[in-house]
Amino acid sequence: MDLLLSVRPGRGCTVLEVRGELDMATSPQLREGLQRLVDAGERLVVVDLAGVGFMDSSGLGALVVMFKALRDLGGRLCLAAVQPPVRSVLSITSVDRVIGIYDSVPAAEADLRPADAAGR
């Protein structure tokens, strides 16, 4: 299954909508999409995972690498609308203790403030 990525402006952040399965074949596409946002100067990113029903360790790795890249630049990456199978992977690996997870994109947007990017 192909991975579909679409970017849209959020409230004080950028939202990356992801649709498809995050696996060994598609995780490089996710990482490249996030890297393009970082290269364009985006520092507050919400990854909308409402359309992702499966994620393996390579998808998890792509998210963690880009979380660290944004954090090192003073930014934040968080996840929104995470489906139960994906949330399970995040929980089992304790990544949910590091990367913020929100029930919805609006909830994530409300927690991200441009001031956060300068203060971290």
PDB file of N, CA and C in Angstrom:
ATOM      1  N   MET A   1       0.838  -1.192   0.000  1.00  0.00           N
ATOM      2  CA  MET A   1       0.000   0.000   0.000  1.00  0.00           C
ATOM      3  C   MET A   1       0.875   1.245   0.000  1.00  0.00           C
ATOM      4  N   ASP A   2       0.516   2.200  -0.819  1.00  0.00           N
ATOM      5  CA  ASP A   2       1.263   3.447  -0.880  1.00  0.00           C
ATOM      6  C   ASP A   2       0.987   4.305   0.341  1.00  0.00           C
ATOM      7  N   LEU A   3       1.946   5.135   0.677  1.00  0.00           N
ATOM      8  CA  LEU A   3       1.785   6.088   1.761  1.00  0.00           C
ATOM      9  C   LEU A   3       1.460   7.437   1.140  1.00  0.00           C
ATOM     10  N   LEU A   4       0.411   8.065   1.624  1.00  0.00           N
ATOM     11  CA  LEU A   4       0.021   9.381   1.135  1.00  0.00           C
ATOM     12  C   LEU A   4       0.307  10.413   2.217  1.00  0.00           C
ATOM     13  N   LEU A   5       1.038  11.446   1.847  1.00  0.00           N
ATOM     14  CA  LEU A   5       1.361  12.532   2.770  1.00  0.00           C
ATOM     15  C   LEU A   5       0.782  13.816   2.225  1.00  0.00           C
ATOM     16  N   SER A   6       0.175  14.602   3.100  1.00  0.00           N
ATOM     17  CA  SER A   6      -0.273  15.932   2.693  1.00  0.00           C
ATOM     18  C   SER A   6       0.007  16.901   3.828  1.00  0.00           C
ATOM     19  N   VAL A   7       0.444  18.069   3.450  1.00  0.00           N
ATOM     20  CA  VAL A   7       0.830  19.096   4.417  1.00  0.00           C
ATOM     21  C   VAL A   7      -0.188  20.219   4.361  1.00  0.00           C
ATOM     22  N   ARG A   8      -0.553  20.702   5.536  1.00  0.00           N
ATOM     23  CA  ARG A   8      -1.437  21.862   5.596  1.00  0.00           C
ATOM     24  C   ARG A   8      -1.049  22.719   6.788  1.00  0.00           C
ATOM     25  N   PRO A   9      -1.347  24.013   6.699  1.00  0.00           N
ATOM     26  CA  PRO A   9      -1.073  24.857   7.854  1.00  0.00           C
ATOM     27  C   PRO A   9      -2.050  24.543   8.978  1.00  0.00           C
ATOM     28  N   GLY A  10      -1.524  24.505  10.180  1.00  0.00           N
ATOM     29  CA  GLY A  10      -2.356  24.324  11.363  1.00  0.00           C
ATOM     30  C   GLY A  10      -2.415  25.640  12.114  1.00  0.00           C
ATOM     31  N   ARG A  11      -2.966  25.591  13.305  1.00  0.00           N
ATOM     32  CA  ARG A  11      -3.000  26.791  14.150  1.00  0.00           C
ATOM     33  C   ARG A  11      -1.659  26.914  14.866  1.00  0.00           C
ATOM     34  N   GLY A  12      -0.781  27.728  14.309  1.00  0.00           N
ATOM     35  CA  GLY A  12       0.529  27.942  14.911  1.00  0.00           C
ATOM     36  C   GLY A  12       1.512  26.811  14.682  1.00  0.00           C
ATOM     37  N   CYS A  13       1.197  25.916  13.758  1.00  0.00           N
ATOM     38  CA  CYS A  13       2.063  24.781  13.486  1.00  0.00           C
ATOM     39  C   CYS A  13       1.803  24.300  12.061  1.00  0.00           C
ATOM     40  N   THR A  14       2.471  23.234  11.690  1.00  0.00           N
ATOM     41  CA  THR A  14       2.238  22.587  10.404  1.00  0.00           C
ATOM     42  C   THR A  14       1.727  21.184  10.673  1.00  0.00           C
ATOM     43  N   VAL A  15       0.699  20.779   9.940  1.00  0.00           N
ATOM     44  CA  VAL A  15       0.114  19.450  10.105  1.00  0.00           C
ATOM     45  C   VAL A  15       0.504  18.592   8.902  1.00  0.00           C
ATOM     46  N   LEU A  16       1.077  17.427   9.190  1.00  0.00           N
ATOM     47  CA  LEU A  16       1.391  16.446   8.161  1.00  0.00           C
ATOM     48  C   LEU A  16       0.395  15.299   8.307  1.00  0.00           C
ATOM     49  N   GLU A  17      -0.512  15.196   7.342  1.00  0.00           N
ATOM     50  CA  GLU A  17      -1.493  14.117   7.358  1.00  0.00           C
ATOM     51  C   GLU A  17      -0.888  12.896   6.669  1.00  0.00           C
ATOM     52  N   VAL A  18      -0.975  11.756   7.334  1.00  0.00           N
ATOM     53  CA  VAL A  18      -0.391  10.514   6.825  1.00  0.00           C
ATOM     54  C   VAL A  18      -1.512   9.497   6.632  1.00  0.00           C
ATOM     55  N   ARG A  19      -1.523   8.856   5.463  1.00  0.00           N
ATOM     56  CA  ARG A  19      -2.528   7.837   5.169  1.00  0.00           C
ATOM     57  C   ARG A  19      -1.830   6.621   4.552  1.00  0.00           C
ATOM     58  N   GLY A  20      -2.145   5.459   5.094  1.00  0.00           N
ATOM     59  CA  GLY A  20      -1.547   4.225   4.592  1.00  0.00           C
ATOM     60  C   GLY A  20      -0.895   3.457   5.727  1.00  0.00           C
ATOM     61  N   GLU A  21      -0.008   2.557   5.373  1.00  0.00           N
ATOM     62  CA  GLU A  21       0.701   1.760   6.368  1.00  0.00           C
ATOM     63  C   GLU A  21       2.138   2.240   6.482  1.00  0.00           C
ATOM     64  N   LEU A  22       2.611   2.361   7.702  1.00  0.00           N
ATOM     65  CA  LEU A  22       4.003   2.761   7.946  1.00  0.00           C
ATOM     66  C   LEU A  22       4.818   1.506   8.189  1.00  0.00           C
ATOM     67  N   ASP A  23       5.546   1.098   7.164  1.00  0.00           N
ATOM     68  CA  ASP A  23       6.362  -0.106   7.269  1.00  0.00           C
ATOM     69  C   ASP A  23       7.709   0.138   6.600  1.00  0.00           C
ATOM     70  N   MET A  24       8.461  -0.928   6.439  1.00  0.00           N
ATOM     71  CA  MET A  24       9.806  -0.809   5.886  1.00  0.00           C
ATOM     72  C   MET A  24       9.796  -0.166   4.495  1.00  0.00           C
ATOM     73  N   ALA A  25       8.764  -0.418   3.733  1.00  0.00           N
ATOM     74  CA  ALA A  25       8.690   0.122   2.371  1.00  0.00           C
ATOM     75  C   ALA A  25       8.309   1.603   2.337  1.00  0.00           C
ATOM     76  N   THR A  26       7.526   2.056   3.327  1.00  0.00           N
ATOM     77  CA  THR A  26       6.993   3.426   3.272  1.00  0.00           C
ATOM     78  C   THR A  26       7.610   4.385   4.285  1.00  0.00           C
ATOM     79  N   SER A  27       8.271   3.870   5.311  1.00  0.00           N
ATOM     80  CA  SER A  27       8.815   4.770   6.330  1.00  0.00           C
ATOM     81  C   SER A  27       9.852   5.764   5.786  1.00  0.00           C
ATOM     82  N   PRO A  28      10.669   5.408   4.774  1.00  0.00           N
ATOM     83  CA  PRO A  28      11.573   6.427   4.224  1.00  0.00           C
ATOM     84  C   PRO A  28      10.803   7.622   3.637  1.00  0.00           C
ATOM     85  N   GLN A  29       9.646   7.353   3.078  1.00  0.00           N
ATOM     86  CA  GLN A  29       8.816   8.420   2.530  1.00  0.00           C
ATOM     87  C   GLN A  29       8.348   9.373   3.649  1.00  0.00           C
ATOM     88  N   LEU A  30       7.974   8.815   4.802  1.00  0.00           N
ATOM     89  CA  LEU A  30       7.575   9.639   5.942  1.00  0.00           C
ATOM     90  C   LEU A  30       8.747  10.490   6.414  1.00  0.00           C
ATOM     91  N   ARG A  31       9.890   9.854   6.557  1.00  0.00           N
ATOM     92  CA  ARG A  31      11.072  10.579   7.039  1.00  0.00           C
ATOM     93  C   ARG A  31      11.447  11.707   6.074  1.00  0.00           C
ATOM     94  N   GLU A  32      11.406  11.424   4.769  1.00  0.00           N
ATOM     95  CA  GLU A  32      11.725  12.458   3.776  1.00  0.00           C
ATOM     96  C   GLU A  32      10.714  13.602   3.825  1.00  0.00           C
ATOM     97  N   GLY A  33       9.437  13.264   4.002  1.00  0.00           N
ATOM     98  CA  GLY A  33       8.412  14.301   4.098  1.00  0.00           C
ATOM     99  C   GLY A  33       8.635  15.198   5.306  1.00  0.00           C
ATOM    100  N   LEU A  34       8.959  14.594   6.438  1.00  0.00           N
ATOM    101  CA  LEU A  34       9.243  15.381   7.640  1.00  0.00           C
ATOM    102  C   LEU A  34      10.527  16.184   7.470  1.00  0.00           C
ATOM    103  N   GLN A  35      11.539  15.599   6.839  1.00  0.00           N
ATOM    104  CA  GLN A  35      12.795  16.318   6.624  1.00  0.00           C
ATOM    105  C   GLN A  35      12.579  17.549   5.744  1.00  0.00           C
ATOM    106  N   ARG A  36      11.715  17.426   4.733  1.00  0.00           N
ATOM    107  CA  ARG A  36      11.408  18.582   3.879  1.00  0.00           C
ATOM    108  C   ARG A  36      10.799  19.717   4.695  1.00  0.00           C
ATOM    109  N   LEU A  37       9.946  19.370   5.655  1.00  0.00           N
ATOM    110  CA  LEU A  37       9.353  20.399   6.516  1.00  0.00           C
ATOM    111  C   LEU A  37      10.428  21.085   7.365  1.00  0.00           C
ATOM    112  N   VAL A  38      11.318  20.274   7.930  1.00  0.00           N
ATOM    113  CA  VAL A  38      12.410  20.830   8.740  1.00  0.00           C
ATOM    114  C   VAL A  38      13.294  21.729   7.878  1.00  0.00           C
ATOM    115  N   ASP A  39      13.637  21.256   6.685  1.00  0.00           N
ATOM    116  CA  ASP A  39      14.481  22.038   5.776  1.00  0.00           C
ATOM    117  C   ASP A  39      13.820  23.350   5.363  1.00  0.00           C
ATOM    118  N   ALA A  40      12.484  23.350   5.341  1.00  0.00           N
ATOM    119  CA  ALA A  40      11.739  24.563   4.980  1.00  0.00           C
ATOM    120  C   ALA A  40      11.589  25.510   6.164  1.00  0.00           C
ATOM    121  N   GLY A  41      12.117  25.109   7.324  1.00  0.00           N
ATOM    122  CA  GLY A  41      12.083  25.989   8.490  1.00  0.00           C
ATOM    123  C   GLY A  41      10.947  25.733   9.459  1.00  0.00           C
ATOM    124  N   GLU A  42      10.168  24.693   9.224  1.00  0.00           N
ATOM    125  CA  GLU A  42       9.079  24.366  10.157  1.00  0.00           C
ATOM    126  C   GLU A  42       9.678  23.819  11.448  1.00  0.00           C
ATOM    127  N   ARG A  43       9.137  24.256  12.573  1.00  0.00           N
ATOM    128  CA  ARG A  43       9.659  23.805  13.862  1.00  0.00           C
ATOM    129  C   ARG A  43       8.593  23.193  14.762  1.00  0.00           C
ATOM    130  N   LEU A  44       7.320  23.433  14.473  1.00  0.00           N
ATOM    131  CA  LEU A  44       6.227  22.841  15.237  1.00  0.00           C
ATOM    132  C   LEU A  44       5.400  22.000  14.276  1.00  0.00           C
ATOM    133  N   VAL A  45       5.466  20.683  14.444  1.00  0.00           N
ATOM    134  CA  VAL A  45       4.839  19.779  13.493  1.00  0.00           C
ATOM    135  C   VAL A  45       3.924  18.794  14.227  1.00  0.00           C
ATOM    136  N   VAL A  46       2.696  18.695  13.729  1.00  0.00           N
ATOM    137  CA  VAL A  46       1.744  17.695  14.203  1.00  0.00           C
ATOM    138  C   VAL A  46       1.623  16.645  13.105  1.00  0.00           C
ATOM    139  N   VAL A  47       1.881  15.392  13.448  1.00  0.00           N
ATOM    140  CA  VAL A  47       1.720  14.295  12.503  1.00  0.00           C
ATOM    141  C   VAL A  47       0.352  13.668  12.770  1.00  0.00           C
ATOM    142  N   ASP A  48      -0.561  13.839  11.819  1.00  0.00           N
ATOM    143  CA  ASP A  48      -1.922  13.318  11.926  1.00  0.00           C
ATOM    144  C   ASP A  48      -1.915  11.876  11.429  1.00  0.00           C
ATOM    145  N   LEU A  49      -2.095  10.938  12.359  1.00  0.00           N
ATOM    146  CA  LEU A  49      -2.028   9.518  12.024  1.00  0.00           C
ATOM    147  C   LEU A  49      -3.409   8.860  11.948  1.00  0.00           C
ATOM    148  N   ALA A  50      -4.449   9.657  11.779  1.00  0.00           N
ATOM    149  CA  ALA A  50      -5.810   9.105  11.712  1.00  0.00           C
ATOM    150  C   ALA A  50      -5.953   8.073  10.601  1.00  0.00           C
ATOM    151  N   GLY A  51      -5.203   8.238   9.519  1.00  0.00           N
ATOM    152  CA  GLY A  51      -5.312   7.337   8.384  1.00  0.00           C
ATOM    153  C   GLY A  51      -4.293   6.209   8.379  1.00  0.00           C
ATOM    154  N   VAL A  52      -3.639   5.976   9.524  1.00  0.00           N
ATOM    155  CA  VAL A  52      -2.614   4.921   9.610  1.00  0.00           C
ATOM    156  C   VAL A  52      -3.109   3.827  10.549  1.00  0.00           C
ATOM    157  N   GLY A  53      -3.304   2.637   9.999  1.00  0.00           N
ATOM    158  CA  GLY A  53      -3.790   1.516  10.795  1.00  0.00           C
ATOM    159  C   GLY A  53      -2.719   0.522  11.184  1.00  0.00           C
ATOM    160  N   PHE A  54      -1.513   0.697  10.626  1.00  0.00           N
ATOM    161  CA  PHE A  54      -0.411  -0.223  10.916  1.00  0.00           C
ATOM    162  C   PHE A  54       0.897   0.535  10.900  1.00  0.00           C
ATOM    163  N   MET A  55       1.760   0.220  11.879  1.00  0.00           N
ATOM    164  CA  MET A  55       3.104   0.794  11.904  1.00  0.00           C
ATOM    165  C   MET A  55       4.048  -0.246  12.484  1.00  0.00           C
ATOM    166  N   ASP A  56       5.174  -0.479  11.782  1.00  0.00           N
ATOM    167  CA  ASP A  56       6.178  -1.395  12.316  1.00  0.00           C
ATOM    168  C   ASP A  56       7.350  -0.590  12.883  1.00  0.00           C
ATOM    169  N   SER A  57       8.421  -1.282  13.228  1.00  0.00           N
ATOM    170  CA  SER A  57       9.552  -0.616  13.879  1.00  0.00           C
ATOM    171  C   SER A  57      10.227   0.416  12.978  1.00  0.00           C
ATOM    172  N   SER A  58      10.187   0.221  11.674  1.00  0.00           N
ATOM    173  CA  SER A  58      10.818   1.204  10.788  1.00  0.00           C
ATOM    174  C   SER A  58      10.027   2.518  10.780  1.00  0.00           C
ATOM    175  N   GLY A  59       8.706   2.437  10.845  1.00  0.00           N
ATOM    176  CA  GLY A  59       7.887   3.645  10.958  1.00  0.00           C
ATOM    177  C   GLY A  59       8.145   4.343  12.281  1.00  0.00           C
ATOM    178  N   LEU A  60       8.237   3.552  13.327  1.00  0.00           N
ATOM    179  CA  LEU A  60       8.550   4.082  14.651  1.00  0.00           C
ATOM    180  C   LEU A  60       9.905   4.790  14.631  1.00  0.00           C
ATOM    181  N   GLY A  61      10.874   4.162  13.998  1.00  0.00           N
ATOM    182  CA  GLY A  61      12.213   4.758  13.909  1.00  0.00           C
ATOM    183  C   GLY A  61      12.209   6.083  13.180  1.00  0.00           C
ATOM    184  N   ALA A  62      11.450   6.174  12.093  1.00  0.00           N
ATOM    185  CA  ALA A  62      11.375   7.427  11.333  1.00  0.00           C
ATOM    186  C   ALA A  62      10.800   8.542  12.197  1.00  0.00           C
ATOM    187  N   LEU A  63       9.774   8.232  12.970  1.00  0.00           N
ATOM    188  CA  LEU A  63       9.177   9.250  13.847  1.00  0.00           C
ATOM    189  C   LEU A  63      10.155   9.691  14.937  1.00  0.00           C
ATOM    190  N   VAL A  64      10.855   8.728  15.531  1.00  0.00           N
ATOM    191  CA  VAL A  64      11.798   9.057  16.607  1.00  0.00           C
ATOM    192  C   VAL A  64      12.961   9.900  16.074  1.00  0.00           C
ATOM    193  N   VAL A  65      13.506   9.532  14.921  1.00  0.00           N
ATOM    194  CA  VAL A  65      14.612  10.294  14.339  1.00  0.00           C
ATOM    195  C   VAL A  65      14.199  11.732  14.069  1.00  0.00           C
ATOM    196  N   MET A  66      13.002  11.914  13.511  1.00  0.00           N
ATOM    197  CA  MET A  66      12.563  13.273  13.182  1.00  0.00           C
ATOM    198  C   MET A  66      12.133  14.041  14.433  1.00  0.00           C
ATOM    199  N   PHE A  67      11.631  13.345  15.449  1.00  0.00           N
ATOM    200  CA  PHE A  67      11.341  13.983  16.732  1.00  0.00           C
ATOM    201  C   PHE A  67      12.627  14.579  17.305  1.00  0.00           C
ATOM    202  N   LYS A  68      13.703  13.781  17.285  1.00  0.00           N
ATOM    203  CA  LYS A  68      14.987  14.245  17.817  1.00  0.00           C
ATOM    204  C   LYS A  68      15.552  15.388  16.981  1.00  0.00           C
ATOM    205  N   ALA A  69      15.416  15.295  15.665  1.00  0.00           N
ATOM    206  CA  ALA A  69      15.924  16.365  14.795  1.00  0.00           C
ATOM    207  C   ALA A  69      15.223  17.683  15.099  1.00  0.00           C
ATOM    208  N   LEU A  70      13.911  17.638  15.251  1.00  0.00           N
ATOM    209  CA  LEU A  70      13.169  18.870  15.565  1.00  0.00           C
ATOM    210  C   LEU A  70      13.513  19.376  16.961  1.00  0.00           C
ATOM    211  N   ARG A  71      13.609  18.461  17.913  1.00  0.00           N
ATOM    212  CA  ARG A  71      13.954  18.861  19.279  1.00  0.00           C
ATOM    213  C   ARG A  71      15.313  19.546  19.312  1.00  0.00           C
ATOM    214  N   ASP A  72      16.283  19.001  18.566  1.00  0.00           N
ATOM    215  CA  ASP A  72      17.626  19.582  18.539  1.00  0.00           C
ATOM    216  C   ASP A  72      17.641  20.974  17.921  1.00  0.00           C
ATOM    217  N   LEU A  73      16.629  21.276  17.112  1.00  0.00           N
ATOM    218  CA  LEU A  73      16.513  22.608  16.498  1.00  0.00           C
ATOM    219  C   LEU A  73      15.609  23.531  17.302  1.00  0.00           C
ATOM    220  N   GLY A  74      15.187  23.077  18.480  1.00  0.00           N
ATOM    221  CA  GLY A  74      14.318  23.890  19.311  1.00  0.00           C
ATOM    222  C   GLY A  74      12.854  23.766  18.965  1.00  0.00           C
ATOM    223  N   GLY A  75      12.504  22.743  18.208  1.00  0.00           N
ATOM    224  CA  GLY A  75      11.114  22.564  17.800  1.00  0.00           C
ATOM    225  C   GLY A  75      10.451  21.403  18.515  1.00  0.00           C
ATOM    226  N   ARG A  76       9.258  21.069  18.035  1.00  0.00           N
ATOM    227  CA  ARG A  76       8.501  19.952  18.614  1.00  0.00           C
ATOM    228  C   ARG A  76       7.781  19.186  17.520  1.00  0.00           C
ATOM    229  N   LEU A  77       7.715  17.888  17.696  1.00  0.00           N
ATOM    230  CA  LEU A  77       6.915  17.022  16.849  1.00  0.00           C
ATOM    231  C   LEU A  77       5.984  16.272  17.788  1.00  0.00           C
ATOM    232  N   CYS A  78       4.702  16.226  17.437  1.00  0.00           N
ATOM    233  CA  CYS A  78       3.761  15.435  18.214  1.00  0.00           C
ATOM    234  C   CYS A  78       2.856  14.662  17.269  1.00  0.00           C
ATOM    235  N   LEU A  79       2.147  13.698  17.824  1.00  0.00           N
ATOM    236  CA  LEU A  79       1.293  12.811  17.051  1.00  0.00           C
ATOM    237  C   LEU A  79      -0.156  13.028  17.456  1.00  0.00           C
ATOM    238  N   ALA A  80      -1.061  12.942  16.470  1.00  0.00           N
ATOM    239  CA  ALA A  80      -2.474  13.146  16.750  1.00  0.00           C
ATOM    240  C   ALA A  80      -3.311  12.059  16.094  1.00  0.00           C
ATOM    241  N   ALA A  81      -4.462  11.794  16.689  1.00  0.00           N
ATOM    242  CA  ALA A  81      -5.453  10.850  16.160  1.00  0.00           C
ATOM    243  C   ALA A  81      -4.837   9.478  15.883  1.00  0.00           C
ATOM    244  N   VAL A  82      -4.050   9.008  16.841  1.00  0.00           N
ATOM    245  CA  VAL A  82      -3.346   7.731  16.694  1.00  0.00           C
ATOM    246  C   VAL A  82      -4.340   6.584  16.877  1.00  0.00           C
ATOM    247  N   GLN A  83      -4.382   5.693  15.909  1.00  0.00           N
ATOM    248  CA  GLN A  83      -5.289   4.545  15.943  1.00  0.00           C
ATOM    249  C   GLN A  83      -4.779   3.484  16.925  1.00  0.00           C
ATOM    250  N   PRO A  84      -5.686   2.673  17.497  1.00  0.00           N
ATOM    251  CA  PRO A  84      -5.283   1.695  18.528  1.00  0.00           C
ATOM    252  C   PRO A  84      -4.102   0.795  18.170  1.00  0.00           C
ATOM    253  N   PRO A  85      -4.020   0.224  16.962  1.00  0.00           N
ATOM    254  CA  PRO A  85      -2.850  -0.642  16.688  1.00  0.00           C
ATOM    255  C   PRO A  85      -1.526   0.129  16.717  1.00  0.00           C
ATOM    256  N   VAL A  86      -1.549   1.362  16.258  1.00  0.00           N
ATOM    257  CA  VAL A  86      -0.340   2.189  16.255  1.00  0.00           C
ATOM    258  C   VAL A  86      -0.035   2.653  17.673  1.00  0.00           C
ATOM    259  N   ARG A  87      -1.058   3.025  18.414  1.00  0.00           N
ATOM    260  CA  ARG A  87      -0.871   3.447  19.809  1.00  0.00           C
ATOM    261  C   ARG A  87      -0.251   2.313  20.620  1.00  0.00           C
ATOM    262  N   SER A  88      -0.634   1.082  20.318  1.00  0.00           N
ATOM    263  CA  SER A  88      -0.067  -0.071  21.010  1.00  0.00           C
ATOM    264  C   SER A  88       1.436  -0.166  20.787  1.00  0.00           C
ATOM    265  N   VAL A  89       1.879   0.036  19.544  1.00  0.00           N
ATOM    266  CA  VAL A  89       3.314   0.013  19.238  1.00  0.00           C
ATOM    267  C   VAL A  89       4.033   1.119  20.011  1.00  0.00           C
ATOM    268  N   LEU A  90       3.440   2.300  20.052  1.00  0.00           N
ATOM    269  CA  LEU A  90       4.047   3.430  20.767  1.00  0.00           C
ATOM    270  C   LEU A  90       4.124   3.147  22.265  1.00  0.00           C
ATOM    271  N   SER A  91       3.114   2.496  22.794  1.00  0.00           N
ATOM    272  CA  SER A  91       3.071   2.186  24.222  1.00  0.00           C
ATOM    273  C   SER A  91       4.059   1.085  24.591  1.00  0.00           C
ATOM    274  N   ILE A  92       4.080   0.013  23.819  1.00  0.00           N
ATOM    275  CA  ILE A  92       4.978  -1.120  24.102  1.00  0.00           C
ATOM    276  C   ILE A  92       6.441  -0.679  24.099  1.00  0.00           C
ATOM    277  N   THR A  93       6.769   0.251  23.220  1.00  0.00           N
ATOM    278  CA  THR A  93       8.145   0.727  23.099  1.00  0.00           C
ATOM    279  C   THR A  93       8.442   1.935  23.987  1.00  0.00           C
ATOM    280  N   SER A  94       7.446   2.395  24.727  1.00  0.00           N
ATOM    281  CA  SER A  94       7.545   3.573  25.605  1.00  0.00           C
ATOM    282  C   SER A  94       7.814   4.877  24.862  1.00  0.00           C
ATOM    283  N   VAL A  95       7.648   4.876  23.556  1.00  0.00           N
ATOM    284  CA  VAL A  95       7.816   6.113  22.785  1.00  0.00           C
ATOM    285  C   VAL A  95       6.729   7.116  23.167  1.00  0.00           C
ATOM    286  N   ASP A  96       5.576   6.607  23.620  1.00  0.00           N
ATOM    287  CA  ASP A  96       4.496   7.505  24.038  1.00  0.00           C
ATOM    288  C   ASP A  96       4.861   8.327  25.274  1.00  0.00           C
ATOM    289  N   ARG A  97       5.941   7.966  25.936  1.00  0.00           N
ATOM    290  CA  ARG A  97       6.404   8.746  27.090  1.00  0.00           C
ATOM    291  C   ARG A  97       7.314   9.898  26.667  1.00  0.00           C
ATOM    292  N   VAL A  98       7.761   9.858  25.412  1.00  0.00           N
ATOM    293  CA  VAL A  98       8.694  10.860  24.901  1.00  0.00           C
ATOM    294  C   VAL A  98       8.011  11.805  23.912  1.00  0.00           C
ATOM    295  N   ILE A  99       7.299  11.229  22.965  1.00  0.00           N
ATOM    296  CA  ILE A  99       6.610  12.021  21.949  1.00  0.00           C
ATOM    297  C   ILE A  99       5.175  12.250  22.408  1.00  0.00           C
ATOM    298  N   GLY A 100       4.747  13.505  22.383  1.00  0.00           N
ATOM    299  CA  GLY A 100       3.382  13.830  22.787  1.00  0.00           C
ATOM    300  C   GLY A 100       2.361  13.217  21.842  1.00  0.00           C
ATOM    301  N   ILE A 101       1.331  12.598  22.428  1.00  0.00           N
ATOM    302  CA  ILE A 101       0.255  11.985  21.649  1.00  0.00           C
ATOM    303  C   ILE A 101      -1.061  12.632  22.072  1.00  0.00           C
ATOM    304  N   TYR A 102      -1.831  13.044  21.077  1.00  0.00           N
ATOM    305  CA  TYR A 102      -3.092  13.742  21.319  1.00  0.00           C
ATOM    306  C   TYR A 102      -4.231  13.015  20.620  1.00  0.00           C
ATOM    307  N   ASP A 103      -5.419  13.127  21.199  1.00  0.00           N
ATOM    308  CA  ASP A 103      -6.588  12.455  20.629  1.00  0.00           C
ATOM    309  C   ASP A 103      -6.996  13.023  19.277  1.00  0.00           C
ATOM    310  N   SER A 104      -6.686  14.303  19.044  1.00  0.00           N
ATOM    311  CA  SER A 104      -7.096  14.952  17.801  1.00  0.00           C
ATOM    312  C   SER A 104      -6.076  16.006  17.400  1.00  0.00           C
ATOM    313  N   VAL A 105      -6.132  16.415  16.136  1.00  0.00           N
ATOM    314  CA  VAL A 105      -5.249  17.487  15.662  1.00  0.00           C
ATOM    315  C   VAL A 105      -5.540  18.786  16.410  1.00  0.00           C
ATOM    316  N   PRO A 106      -6.817  19.178  16.591  1.00  0.00           N
ATOM    317  CA  PRO A 106      -7.068  20.418  17.349  1.00  0.00           C
ATOM    318  C   PRO A 106      -6.489  20.393  18.773  1.00  0.00           C
ATOM    319  N   ALA A 107      -6.515  19.237  19.424  1.00  0.00           N
ATOM    320  CA  ALA A 107      -5.933  19.128  20.770  1.00  0.00           C
ATOM    321  C   ALA A 107      -4.420  19.338  20.716  1.00  0.00           C
ATOM    322  N   ALA A 108      -3.769  18.781  19.703  1.00  0.00           N
ATOM    323  CA  ALA A 108      -2.325  18.967  19.543  1.00  0.00           C
ATOM    324  C   ALA A 108      -2.010  20.418  19.227  1.00  0.00           C
ATOM    325  N   GLU A 109      -2.780  21.024  18.326  1.00  0.00           N
ATOM    326  CA  GLU A 109      -2.559  22.423  17.961  1.00  0.00           C
ATOM    327  C   GLU A 109      -2.699  23.331  19.176  1.00  0.00           C
ATOM    328  N   ALA A 110      -3.657  23.031  20.032  1.00  0.00           N
ATOM    329  CA  ALA A 110      -3.884  23.857  21.216  1.00  0.00           C
ATOM    330  C   ALA A 110      -2.718  23.791  22.191  1.00  0.00           C
ATOM    331  N   ASP A 111      -2.003  22.669  22.190  1.00  0.00           N
ATOM    332  CA  ASP A 111      -0.872  22.499  23.096  1.00  0.00           C
ATOM    333  C   ASP A 111       0.434  23.039  22.523  1.00  0.00           C
ATOM    334  N   LEU A 112       0.511  23.184  21.215  1.00  0.00           N
ATOM    335  CA  LEU A 112       1.715  23.704  20.582  1.00  0.00           C
ATOM    336  C   LEU A 112       1.581  25.225  20.419  1.00  0.00           C
ATOM    337  N   ARG A 113       2.544  25.904  20.876  1.00  0.00           N
ATOM    338  CA  ARG A 113       2.547  27.357  20.736  1.00  0.00           C
ATOM    339  C   ARG A 113       3.869  27.757  20.085  1.00  0.00           C
ATOM    340  N   PRO A 114       3.845  28.763  19.195  1.00  0.00           N
ATOM    341  CA  PRO A 114       5.102  29.207  18.588  1.00  0.00           C
ATOM    342  C   PRO A 114       6.179  29.543  19.614  1.00  0.00           C
ATOM    343  N   ALA A 115       5.778  30.010  20.787  1.00  0.00           N
ATOM    344  CA  ALA A 115       6.755  30.339  21.829  1.00  0.00           C
ATOM    345  C   ALA A 115       7.538  29.094  22.257  1.00  0.00           C
ATOM    346  N   ASP A 116       6.912  27.922  22.139  1.00  0.00           N
ATOM    347  CA  ASP A 116       7.581  26.668  22.499  1.00  0.00           C
ATOM    348  C   ASP A 116       8.834  26.464  21.662  1.00  0.00           C
ATOM    349  N   ALA A 117       8.758  26.823  20.391  1.00  0.00           N
ATOM    350  CA  ALA A 117       9.894  26.600  19.503  1.00  0.00           C
ATOM    351  C   ALA A 117      11.102  27.422  19.940  1.00  0.00           C
ATOM    352  N   ALA A 118      10.867  28.629  20.432  1.00  0.00           N
ATOM    353  CA  ALA A 118      11.963  29.477  20.869  1.00  0.00           C
ATOM    354  C   ALA A 118      12.462  29.082  22.248  1.00  0.00           C
ATOM    355  N   GLY A 119      11.561  28.517  23.069  1.00  0.00           N
ATOM    356  CA  GLY A 119      11.921  28.240  24.445  1.00  0.00           C
ATOM    357  C   GLY A 119      12.538  26.884  24.691  1.00  0.00           C
ATOM    358  N   ARG A 120      12.595  26.037  23.693  1.00  0.00           N
ATOM    359  CA  ARG A 120      13.132  24.682  23.929  1.00  0.00           C
ATOM    360  C   ARG A 120      14.416  24.453  23.202  1.00  0.00           C
TER     361      ARG A 120
END
